[in-house]
Amino acid sequence: MKRHALPMSGPHPALDRYGRLDHYYWRCSECGLETTRPAPGRATDRDRRCPACD
């Protein structure tokens, strides 16, 4: 599988059923994992790696 340079994108806003901001999440473009917490030390622009793909 070809690995993307920055597979984790985000933060993306997630809304509650009333349309208000509820939380933010990050999504992996390789495996589809969505998480509300990026792996510790991995939320920088230089090193966004998916913990499930590693």
C-alpha atoms as a PDB file:
ATOM      1  CA  MET A   1       0.000   0.000   0.000  1.00  0.00           C
ATOM      2  CA  LYS A   2       1.343   3.441  -0.884  1.00  0.00           C
ATOM      3  CA  ARG A   3       1.592   5.602   2.227  1.00  0.00           C
ATOM      4  CA  HIS A   4       0.578   9.243   2.113  1.00  0.00           C
ATOM      5  CA  ALA A   5       2.872  11.819   3.670  1.00  0.00           C
ATOM      6  CA  LEU A   6       0.181  13.076   6.069  1.00  0.00           C
ATOM      7  CA  PRO A   7      -2.645  10.514   6.314  1.00  0.00           C
ATOM      8  CA  MET A   8      -4.223  12.089   9.409  1.00  0.00           C
ATOM      9  CA  SER A   9      -6.325  15.084   8.426  1.00  0.00           C
ATOM     10  CA  GLY A  10      -8.087  17.406  10.765  1.00  0.00           C
ATOM     11  CA  PRO A  11      -9.183  18.649  13.094  1.00  0.00           C
ATOM     12  CA  HIS A  12     -12.685  18.347  11.633  1.00  0.00           C
ATOM     13  CA  PRO A  13     -15.632  19.816  13.561  1.00  0.00           C
ATOM     14  CA  ALA A  14     -18.376  17.423  14.664  1.00  0.00           C
ATOM     15  CA  LEU A  15     -21.809  18.812  15.420  1.00  0.00           C
ATOM     16  CA  ASP A  16     -24.484  17.593  17.799  1.00  0.00           C
ATOM     17  CA  ARG A  17     -28.066  16.999  16.684  1.00  0.00           C
ATOM     18  CA  TYR A  18     -28.887  20.683  17.205  1.00  0.00           C
ATOM     19  CA  GLY A  19     -26.095  21.834  14.892  1.00  0.00           C
ATOM     20  CA  ARG A  20     -23.798  23.052  17.656  1.00  0.00           C
ATOM     21  CA  LEU A  21     -20.109  22.244  17.829  1.00  0.00           C
ATOM     22  CA  ASP A  22     -19.664  19.132  19.955  1.00  0.00           C
ATOM     23  CA  HIS A  23     -16.041  18.055  19.427  1.00  0.00           C
ATOM     24  CA  TYR A  24     -13.221  17.822  16.892  1.00  0.00           C
ATOM     25  CA  TYR A  25     -11.891  14.653  15.289  1.00  0.00           C
ATOM     26  CA  TRP A  26      -9.030  13.522  13.051  1.00  0.00           C
ATOM     27  CA  ARG A  27      -9.443  11.063  10.138  1.00  0.00           C
ATOM     28  CA  CYS A  28      -6.931   8.729   8.508  1.00  0.00           C
ATOM     29  CA  SER A  29      -7.129   8.789   4.705  1.00  0.00           C
ATOM     30  CA  GLU A  30      -5.561   5.310   4.496  1.00  0.00           C
ATOM     31  CA  CYS A  31      -7.675   3.199   6.856  1.00  0.00           C
ATOM     32  CA  GLY A  32     -10.620   5.486   7.693  1.00  0.00           C
ATOM     33  CA  LEU A  33      -9.933   5.557  11.438  1.00  0.00           C
ATOM     34  CA  GLU A  34     -11.594   8.518  13.134  1.00  0.00           C
ATOM     35  CA  THR A  35     -10.399   9.599  16.553  1.00  0.00           C
ATOM     36  CA  THR A  36     -11.061  12.493  18.891  1.00  0.00           C
ATOM     37  CA  ARG A  37      -7.479  12.301  20.173  1.00  0.00           C
ATOM     38  CA  PRO A  38      -4.482  12.260  17.900  1.00  0.00           C
ATOM     39  CA  ALA A  39      -1.687  10.067  19.190  1.00  0.00           C
ATOM     40  CA  PRO A  40       0.525  11.905  21.701  1.00  0.00           C
ATOM     41  CA  GLY A  41       3.250  13.875  19.988  1.00  0.00           C
ATOM     42  CA  ARG A  42       1.817  13.229  16.541  1.00  0.00           C
ATOM     43  CA  ALA A  43      -0.497  16.195  16.017  1.00  0.00           C
ATOM     44  CA  THR A  44       2.147  18.374  14.407  1.00  0.00           C
ATOM     45  CA  ASP A  45       2.076  19.290  10.736  1.00  0.00           C
ATOM     46  CA  ARG A  46       5.391  17.474  10.192  1.00  0.00           C
ATOM     47  CA  ASP A  47       4.405  14.094  11.648  1.00  0.00           C
ATOM     48  CA  ARG A  48       0.725  13.206  11.396  1.00  0.00           C
ATOM     49  CA  ARG A  49       0.732   9.439  11.378  1.00  0.00           C
ATOM     50  CA  CYS A  50      -2.155   7.098  12.063  1.00  0.00           C
ATOM     51  CA  PRO A  51      -1.579   4.911  15.137  1.00  0.00           C
ATOM     52  CA  ALA A  52      -3.572   2.082  13.511  1.00  0.00           C
ATOM     53  CA  CYS A  53      -1.490   2.139  10.299  1.00  0.00           C
ATOM     54  CA  ASP A  54       1.891   2.208  12.066  1.00  0.00           C
END
